[in-house]
All heavy atoms as atom14 arrays in JSON, in Angstrom:
{
  "sequence": "RGARYTKIHKPQEMVYFEEYVSRSLAMKREREIKKL",
  "atom14_mask": [
    [1, 1, 1, 1, 1, 1, 1, 1, 1, 1, 1, 0, 0, 0],
    [1, 1, 1, 1, 0, 0, 0, 0, 0, 0, 0, 0, 0, 0],
    [1, 1, 1, 1, 1, 0, 0, 0, 0, 0, 0, 0, 0, 0],
    [1, 1, 1, 1, 1, 1, 1, 1, 1, 1, 1, 0, 0, 0],
    [1, 1, 1, 1, 1, 1, 1, 1, 1, 1, 1, 1, 0, 0],
    [1, 1, 1, 1, 1, 1, 1, 0, 0, 0, 0, 0, 0, 0],
    [1, 1, 1, 1, 1, 1, 1, 1, 1, 0, 0, 0, 0, 0],
    [1, 1, 1, 1, 1, 1, 1, 1, 0, 0, 0, 0, 0, 0],
    [1, 1, 1, 1, 1, 1, 1, 1, 1, 1, 0, 0, 0, 0],
    [1, 1, 1, 1, 1, 1, 1, 1, 1, 0, 0, 0, 0, 0],
    [1, 1, 1, 1, 1, 1, 1, 0, 0, 0, 0, 0, 0, 0],
    [1, 1, 1, 1, 1, 1, 1, 1, 1, 0, 0, 0, 0, 0],
    [1, 1, 1, 1, 1, 1, 1, 1, 1, 0, 0, 0, 0, 0],
    [1, 1, 1, 1, 1, 1, 1, 1, 0, 0, 0, 0, 0, 0],
    [1, 1, 1, 1, 1, 1, 1, 0, 0, 0, 0, 0, 0, 0],
    [1, 1, 1, 1, 1, 1, 1, 1, 1, 1, 1, 1, 0, 0],
    [1, 1, 1, 1, 1, 1, 1, 1, 1, 1, 1, 0, 0, 0],
    [1, 1, 1, 1, 1, 1, 1, 1, 1, 0, 0, 0, 0, 0],
    [1, 1, 1, 1, 1, 1, 1, 1, 1, 0, 0, 0, 0, 0],
    [1, 1, 1, 1, 1, 1, 1, 1, 1, 1, 1, 1, 0, 0],
    [1, 1, 1, 1, 1, 1, 1, 0, 0, 0, 0, 0, 0, 0],
    [1, 1, 1, 1, 1, 1, 0, 0, 0, 0, 0, 0, 0, 0],
    [1, 1, 1, 1, 1, 1, 1, 1, 1, 1, 1, 0, 0, 0],
    [1, 1, 1, 1, 1, 1, 0, 0, 0, 0, 0, 0, 0, 0],
    [1, 1, 1, 1, 1, 1, 1, 1, 0, 0, 0, 0, 0, 0],
    [1, 1, 1, 1, 1, 0, 0, 0, 0, 0, 0, 0, 0, 0],
    [1, 1, 1, 1, 1, 1, 1, 1, 0, 0, 0, 0, 0, 0],
    [1, 1, 1, 1, 1, 1, 1, 1, 1, 0, 0, 0, 0, 0],
    [1, 1, 1, 1, 1, 1, 1, 1, 1, 1, 1, 0, 0, 0],
    [1, 1, 1, 1, 1, 1, 1, 1, 1, 0, 0, 0, 0, 0],
    [1, 1, 1, 1, 1, 1, 1, 1, 1, 1, 1, 0, 0, 0],
    [1, 1, 1, 1, 1, 1, 1, 1, 1, 0, 0, 0, 0, 0],
    [1, 1, 1, 1, 1, 1, 1, 1, 0, 0, 0, 0, 0, 0],
    [1, 1, 1, 1, 1, 1, 1, 1, 1, 0, 0, 0, 0, 0],
    [1, 1, 1, 1, 1, 1, 1, 1, 1, 0, 0, 0, 0, 0],
    [1, 1, 1, 1, 1, 1, 1, 1, 0, 0, 0, 0, 0, 0]
  ],
  "atom14_positions": [
    [[43.64, 4.01, -0.08], [44.98, 4.41, 0.32], [45.22, 4.22, 1.81], [46.24, 4.67, 2.33], [45.23, 5.85, -0.08], [45.2, 6.0, -1.59], [45.48, 7.37, -2.12], [45.73, 8.41, -1.17], [45.25, 9.64, -1.26], [44.47, 9.96, -2.26], [45.55, 10.54, -0.37], [0.0, 0.0, 0.0], [0.0, 0.0, 0.0], [0.0, 0.0, 0.0]],
    [[44.32, 3.55, 2.51], [44.49, 3.29, 3.93], [45.21, 1.97, 4.15], [45.98, 1.52, 3.3], [0.0, 0.0, 0.0], [0.0, 0.0, 0.0], [0.0, 0.0, 0.0], [0.0, 0.0, 0.0], [0.0, 0.0, 0.0], [0.0, 0.0, 0.0], [0.0, 0.0, 0.0], [0.0, 0.0, 0.0], [0.0, 0.0, 0.0], [0.0, 0.0, 0.0]],
    [[44.96, 1.35, 5.26], [45.58, 0.07, 5.6], [45.22, -1.0, 4.57], [44.18, -0.94, 3.92], [45.15, -0.36, 6.99], [0.0, 0.0, 0.0], [0.0, 0.0, 0.0], [0.0, 0.0, 0.0], [0.0, 0.0, 0.0], [0.0, 0.0, 0.0], [0.0, 0.0, 0.0], [0.0, 0.0, 0.0], [0.0, 0.0, 0.0], [0.0, 0.0, 0.0]],
    [[46.09, -1.99, 4.42], [45.87, -3.06, 3.43], [44.54, -3.77, 3.65], [43.83, -4.07, 2.7], [47.01, -4.06, 3.5], [46.89, -5.11, 2.41], [47.93, -6.18, 2.4], [49.13, -5.88, 3.14], [50.04, -6.79, 3.46], [49.87, -8.03, 3.09], [51.1, -6.47, 4.14], [0.0, 0.0, 0.0], [0.0, 0.0, 0.0], [0.0, 0.0, 0.0]],
    [[44.19, -4.07, 4.9], [42.94, -4.76, 5.2], [41.75, -3.99, 4.63], [40.86, -4.56, 4.01], [42.77, -4.98, 6.69], [41.48, -5.67, 7.06], [41.39, -7.06, 7.05], [40.34, -4.95, 7.37], [40.21, -7.7, 7.35], [39.15, -5.58, 7.68], [39.09, -6.96, 7.67], [37.92, -7.6, 7.96], [0.0, 0.0, 0.0], [0.0, 0.0, 0.0]],
    [[41.75, -2.67, 4.84], [40.6, -1.89, 4.39], [40.62, -1.63, 2.89], [39.63, -1.17, 2.33], [40.48, -0.55, 5.15], [41.7, 0.16, 5.04], [40.13, -0.79, 6.61], [0.0, 0.0, 0.0], [0.0, 0.0, 0.0], [0.0, 0.0, 0.0], [0.0, 0.0, 0.0], [0.0, 0.0, 0.0], [0.0, 0.0, 0.0], [0.0, 0.0, 0.0]],
    [[41.75, -1.89, 2.23], [41.75, -1.81, 0.76], [40.88, -2.91, 0.2], [40.19, -2.74, -0.8], [43.17, -1.95, 0.22], [44.02, -0.74, 0.41], [45.39, -0.97, -0.19], [46.29, 0.2, 0.08], [47.63, 0.0, -0.46], [0.0, 0.0, 0.0], [0.0, 0.0, 0.0], [0.0, 0.0, 0.0], [0.0, 0.0, 0.0], [0.0, 0.0, 0.0]],
    [[40.91, -4.08, 0.86], [40.15, -5.24, 0.42], [38.74, -5.21, 0.98], [37.77, -5.49, 0.29], [40.87, -6.53, 0.83], [42.25, -6.6, 0.16], [40.04, -7.76, 0.47], [43.16, -7.64, 0.74], [0.0, 0.0, 0.0], [0.0, 0.0, 0.0], [0.0, 0.0, 0.0], [0.0, 0.0, 0.0], [0.0, 0.0, 0.0], [0.0, 0.0, 0.0]],
    [[38.6, -4.88, 2.26], [37.32, -4.86, 2.96], [36.91, -3.42, 3.19], [37.26, -2.83, 4.21], [37.41, -5.6, 4.3], [37.9, -6.99, 4.17], [39.24, -7.32, 4.23], [37.25, -8.15, 3.96], [39.38, -8.62, 4.08], [38.18, -9.15, 3.91], [0.0, 0.0, 0.0], [0.0, 0.0, 0.0], [0.0, 0.0, 0.0], [0.0, 0.0, 0.0]],
    [[36.2, -2.85, 2.26], [35.79, -1.45, 2.35], [34.9, -1.21, 3.57], [34.0, -2.0, 3.84], [35.04, -1.02, 1.09], [35.82, -1.19, -0.19], [36.9, -0.16, -0.3], [37.57, -0.28, -1.66], [38.93, 0.12, -1.64], [0.0, 0.0, 0.0], [0.0, 0.0, 0.0], [0.0, 0.0, 0.0], [0.0, 0.0, 0.0], [0.0, 0.0, 0.0]],
    [[35.15, -0.11, 4.3], [34.28, 0.23, 5.44], [32.85, 0.46, 4.96], [32.64, 1.09, 3.92], [34.87, 1.52, 5.99], [36.25, 1.59, 5.45], [36.23, 0.84, 4.15], [0.0, 0.0, 0.0], [0.0, 0.0, 0.0], [0.0, 0.0, 0.0], [0.0, 0.0, 0.0], [0.0, 0.0, 0.0], [0.0, 0.0, 0.0], [0.0, 0.0, 0.0]],
    [[31.88, -0.06, 5.69], [30.48, 0.09, 5.31], [29.86, 1.32, 5.96], [29.14, 2.07, 5.32], [29.69, -1.16, 5.74], [30.17, -2.43, 5.1], [30.01, -2.41, 3.59], [28.95, -2.03, 3.09], [31.04, -2.78, 2.87], [0.0, 0.0, 0.0], [0.0, 0.0, 0.0], [0.0, 0.0, 0.0], [0.0, 0.0, 0.0], [0.0, 0.0, 0.0]],
    [[30.13, 1.5, 7.24], [29.5, 2.59, 7.98], [30.35, 2.91, 9.21], [30.85, 2.01, 9.87], [28.11, 2.16, 8.42], [27.37, 3.15, 9.27], [26.04, 2.62, 9.77], [25.75, 1.43, 9.61], [25.3, 3.42, 10.35], [0.0, 0.0, 0.0], [0.0, 0.0, 0.0], [0.0, 0.0, 0.0], [0.0, 0.0, 0.0], [0.0, 0.0, 0.0]],
    [[30.53, 4.17, 9.5], [31.25, 4.55, 10.7], [30.23, 4.66, 11.83], [29.25, 5.4, 11.73], [31.95, 5.89, 10.52], [32.77, 6.25, 11.74], [33.62, 7.83, 11.64], [34.65, 7.6, 10.23], [0.0, 0.0, 0.0], [0.0, 0.0, 0.0], [0.0, 0.0, 0.0], [0.0, 0.0, 0.0], [0.0, 0.0, 0.0], [0.0, 0.0, 0.0]],
    [[30.43, 3.9, 12.88], [29.47, 3.9, 13.98], [30.02, 4.6, 15.22], [29.27, 4.89, 16.15], [29.02, 2.46, 14.36], [28.24, 1.83, 13.22], [30.2, 1.61, 14.74], [0.0, 0.0, 0.0], [0.0, 0.0, 0.0], [0.0, 0.0, 0.0], [0.0, 0.0, 0.0], [0.0, 0.0, 0.0], [0.0, 0.0, 0.0], [0.0, 0.0, 0.0]],
    [[31.33, 4.86, 15.23], [31.93, 5.49, 16.4], [33.25, 6.12, 16.01], [33.99, 5.58, 15.2], [32.17, 4.43, 17.49], [32.78, 4.98, 18.75], [31.99, 5.57, 19.72], [34.14, 4.91, 18.98], [32.54, 6.09, 20.87], [34.7, 5.43, 20.14], [33.9, 6.02, 21.08], [34.44, 6.53, 22.22], [0.0, 0.0, 0.0], [0.0, 0.0, 0.0]],
    [[33.55, 7.28, 16.55], [34.87, 7.87, 16.35], [35.19, 8.81, 17.5], [34.31, 9.3, 18.2], [34.96, 8.6, 15.0], [34.25, 9.93, 14.98], [34.93, 11.1, 15.25], [32.9, 10.0, 14.66], [34.28, 12.32, 15.21], [32.25, 11.21, 14.62], [32.93, 12.37, 14.9], [0.0, 0.0, 0.0], [0.0, 0.0, 0.0], [0.0, 0.0, 0.0]],
    [[36.46, 9.02, 17.7], [36.97, 9.98, 18.66], [38.07, 10.76, 17.94], [38.75, 10.22, 17.08], [37.58, 9.28, 19.88], [36.59, 8.49, 20.71], [37.25, 7.75, 21.88], [38.42, 8.01, 22.19], [36.57, 6.91, 22.47], [0.0, 0.0, 0.0], [0.0, 0.0, 0.0], [0.0, 0.0, 0.0], [0.0, 0.0, 0.0], [0.0, 0.0, 0.0]],
    [[38.25, 12.02, 18.28], [39.29, 12.83, 17.67], [40.37, 13.13, 18.7], [40.06, 13.38, 19.87], [38.71, 14.13, 17.14], [37.77, 13.93, 15.97], [37.32, 15.25, 15.37], [38.19, 15.96, 14.83], [36.12, 15.53, 15.46], [0.0, 0.0, 0.0], [0.0, 0.0, 0.0], [0.0, 0.0, 0.0], [0.0, 0.0, 0.0], [0.0, 0.0, 0.0]],
    [[41.62, 13.09, 18.26], [42.76, 13.37, 19.12], [43.69, 14.34, 18.43], [43.74, 14.41, 17.21], [43.5, 12.07, 19.47], [42.71, 11.21, 20.43], [41.8, 10.27, 19.97], [42.84, 11.38, 21.79], [41.05, 9.51, 20.84], [42.1, 10.62, 22.67], [41.21, 9.69, 22.2], [40.46, 8.95, 23.07], [0.0, 0.0, 0.0], [0.0, 0.0, 0.0]],
    [[44.46, 15.08, 19.23], [45.35, 16.09, 18.69], [46.62, 15.49, 18.1], [47.28, 16.11, 17.27], [45.73, 17.15, 19.76], [44.51, 17.96, 20.16], [46.37, 16.51, 20.97], [0.0, 0.0, 0.0], [0.0, 0.0, 0.0], [0.0, 0.0, 0.0], [0.0, 0.0, 0.0], [0.0, 0.0, 0.0], [0.0, 0.0, 0.0], [0.0, 0.0, 0.0]],
    [[46.96, 14.28, 18.5], [48.16, 13.65, 17.95], [47.87, 12.2, 17.57], [46.98, 11.56, 18.12], [49.3, 13.68, 18.97], [49.06, 12.78, 20.02], [0.0, 0.0, 0.0], [0.0, 0.0, 0.0], [0.0, 0.0, 0.0], [0.0, 0.0, 0.0], [0.0, 0.0, 0.0], [0.0, 0.0, 0.0], [0.0, 0.0, 0.0], [0.0, 0.0, 0.0]],
    [[48.64, 11.72, 16.62], [48.49, 10.34, 16.16], [48.84, 9.36, 17.28], [48.18, 8.34, 17.43], [49.38, 10.1, 14.95], [49.23, 8.72, 14.39], [50.13, 8.51, 13.2], [50.04, 7.13, 12.78], [49.77, 6.75, 11.57], [49.58, 7.64, 10.63], [49.71, 5.48, 11.27], [0.0, 0.0, 0.0], [0.0, 0.0, 0.0], [0.0, 0.0, 0.0]],
    [[49.85, 9.68, 18.09], [50.25, 8.77, 19.17], [49.13, 8.58, 20.19], [48.9, 7.46, 20.66], [51.53, 9.24, 19.84], [51.35, 10.49, 20.46], [0.0, 0.0, 0.0], [0.0, 0.0, 0.0], [0.0, 0.0, 0.0], [0.0, 0.0, 0.0], [0.0, 0.0, 0.0], [0.0, 0.0, 0.0], [0.0, 0.0, 0.0], [0.0, 0.0, 0.0]],
    [[48.43, 9.64, 20.53], [47.3, 9.52, 21.47], [46.17, 8.71, 20.84], [45.53, 7.89, 21.5], [46.78, 10.9, 21.88], [47.67, 11.71, 22.81], [47.11, 13.11, 22.99], [47.84, 11.01, 24.14], [0.0, 0.0, 0.0], [0.0, 0.0, 0.0], [0.0, 0.0, 0.0], [0.0, 0.0, 0.0], [0.0, 0.0, 0.0], [0.0, 0.0, 0.0]],
    [[45.93, 8.93, 19.56], [44.87, 8.19, 18.85], [45.21, 6.7, 18.8], [44.34, 5.86, 19.01], [44.68, 8.74, 17.46], [0.0, 0.0, 0.0], [0.0, 0.0, 0.0], [0.0, 0.0, 0.0], [0.0, 0.0, 0.0], [0.0, 0.0, 0.0], [0.0, 0.0, 0.0], [0.0, 0.0, 0.0], [0.0, 0.0, 0.0], [0.0, 0.0, 0.0]],
    [[46.47, 6.37, 18.53], [46.89, 4.97, 18.45], [46.79, 4.29, 19.82], [46.4, 3.13, 19.93], [48.32, 4.86, 17.92], [48.48, 5.38, 16.5], [47.55, 4.46, 15.28], [48.61, 3.05, 15.11], [0.0, 0.0, 0.0], [0.0, 0.0, 0.0], [0.0, 0.0, 0.0], [0.0, 0.0, 0.0], [0.0, 0.0, 0.0], [0.0, 0.0, 0.0]],
    [[47.12, 5.03, 20.87], [47.0, 4.5, 22.23], [45.54, 4.17, 22.54], [45.23, 3.1, 23.06], [47.55, 5.51, 23.24], [47.51, 5.03, 24.66], [48.1, 6.05, 25.61], [48.0, 5.55, 27.04], [48.53, 6.5, 28.0], [0.0, 0.0, 0.0], [0.0, 0.0, 0.0], [0.0, 0.0, 0.0], [0.0, 0.0, 0.0], [0.0, 0.0, 0.0]],
    [[44.65, 5.08, 22.19], [43.21, 4.86, 22.43], [42.69, 3.69, 21.59], [41.89, 2.88, 22.06], [42.42, 6.13, 22.11], [40.93, 5.98, 22.31], [40.57, 5.64, 23.73], [39.12, 5.61, 23.86], [38.46, 4.83, 24.69], [39.11, 4.05, 25.52], [37.15, 4.85, 24.72], [0.0, 0.0, 0.0], [0.0, 0.0, 0.0], [0.0, 0.0, 0.0]],
    [[43.19, 3.57, 20.35], [42.78, 2.45, 19.5], [43.16, 1.12, 20.14], [42.38, 0.17, 20.14], [43.42, 2.56, 18.12], [43.0, 1.46, 17.18], [43.61, 1.56, 15.79], [44.48, 2.42, 15.57], [43.21, 0.77, 14.93], [0.0, 0.0, 0.0], [0.0, 0.0, 0.0], [0.0, 0.0, 0.0], [0.0, 0.0, 0.0], [0.0, 0.0, 0.0]],
    [[44.37, 1.04, 20.7], [44.79, -0.19, 21.38], [43.88, -0.5, 22.57], [43.54, -1.65, 22.81], [46.24, -0.08, 21.83], [47.24, -0.22, 20.7], [48.67, -0.35, 21.19], [49.11, 0.79, 21.97], [49.65, 1.91, 21.48], [49.8, 2.04, 20.18], [50.02, 2.88, 22.28], [0.0, 0.0, 0.0], [0.0, 0.0, 0.0], [0.0, 0.0, 0.0]],
    [[43.5, 0.55, 23.32], [42.58, 0.35, 24.45], [41.25, -0.21, 23.98], [40.71, -1.13, 24.58], [42.35, 1.67, 25.19], [43.55, 2.2, 25.93], [43.33, 3.61, 26.49], [42.26, 4.21, 26.23], [44.23, 4.1, 27.18], [0.0, 0.0, 0.0], [0.0, 0.0, 0.0], [0.0, 0.0, 0.0], [0.0, 0.0, 0.0], [0.0, 0.0, 0.0]],
    [[40.71, 0.35, 22.91], [39.41, -0.08, 22.4], [39.49, -1.51, 21.88], [38.58, -2.31, 22.1], [38.9, 0.89, 21.31], [38.54, 2.24, 21.96], [37.69, 0.31, 20.58], [38.2, 3.33, 20.98], [0.0, 0.0, 0.0], [0.0, 0.0, 0.0], [0.0, 0.0, 0.0], [0.0, 0.0, 0.0], [0.0, 0.0, 0.0], [0.0, 0.0, 0.0]],
    [[40.57, -1.86, 21.2], [40.71, -3.21, 20.67], [40.75, -4.27, 21.77], [40.38, -5.42, 21.54], [41.97, -3.32, 19.8], [41.79, -2.65, 18.46], [42.99, -2.86, 17.58], [42.73, -2.27, 16.21], [43.74, -2.67, 15.25], [0.0, 0.0, 0.0], [0.0, 0.0, 0.0], [0.0, 0.0, 0.0], [0.0, 0.0, 0.0], [0.0, 0.0, 0.0]],
    [[41.14, -3.89, 22.97], [41.2, -4.83, 24.09], [39.83, -5.05, 24.74], [39.67, -5.98, 25.52], [42.19, -4.34, 25.15], [43.62, -4.42, 24.7], [44.56, -3.91, 25.77], [46.0, -3.93, 25.29], [46.92, -3.39, 26.31], [0.0, 0.0, 0.0], [0.0, 0.0, 0.0], [0.0, 0.0, 0.0], [0.0, 0.0, 0.0], [0.0, 0.0, 0.0]],
    [[38.86, -4.2, 24.42], [37.53, -4.33, 25.0], [36.82, -5.56, 24.44], [37.06, -5.97, 23.31], [36.68, -3.09, 24.69], [37.15, -1.76, 25.25], [36.25, -0.63, 24.75], [37.21, -1.77, 26.76], [0.0, 0.0, 0.0], [0.0, 0.0, 0.0], [0.0, 0.0, 0.0], [0.0, 0.0, 0.0], [0.0, 0.0, 0.0], [0.0, 0.0, 0.0]]
  ]
}
């Protein structure tokens, strides 16, 4: 029930996560990480 990509490509293992109080802050951090 997540994003379309992960419906097809099931996650194998979670190697890193961060928790945020709001979705907007989490999405901002995700964009930062994707640029690394």
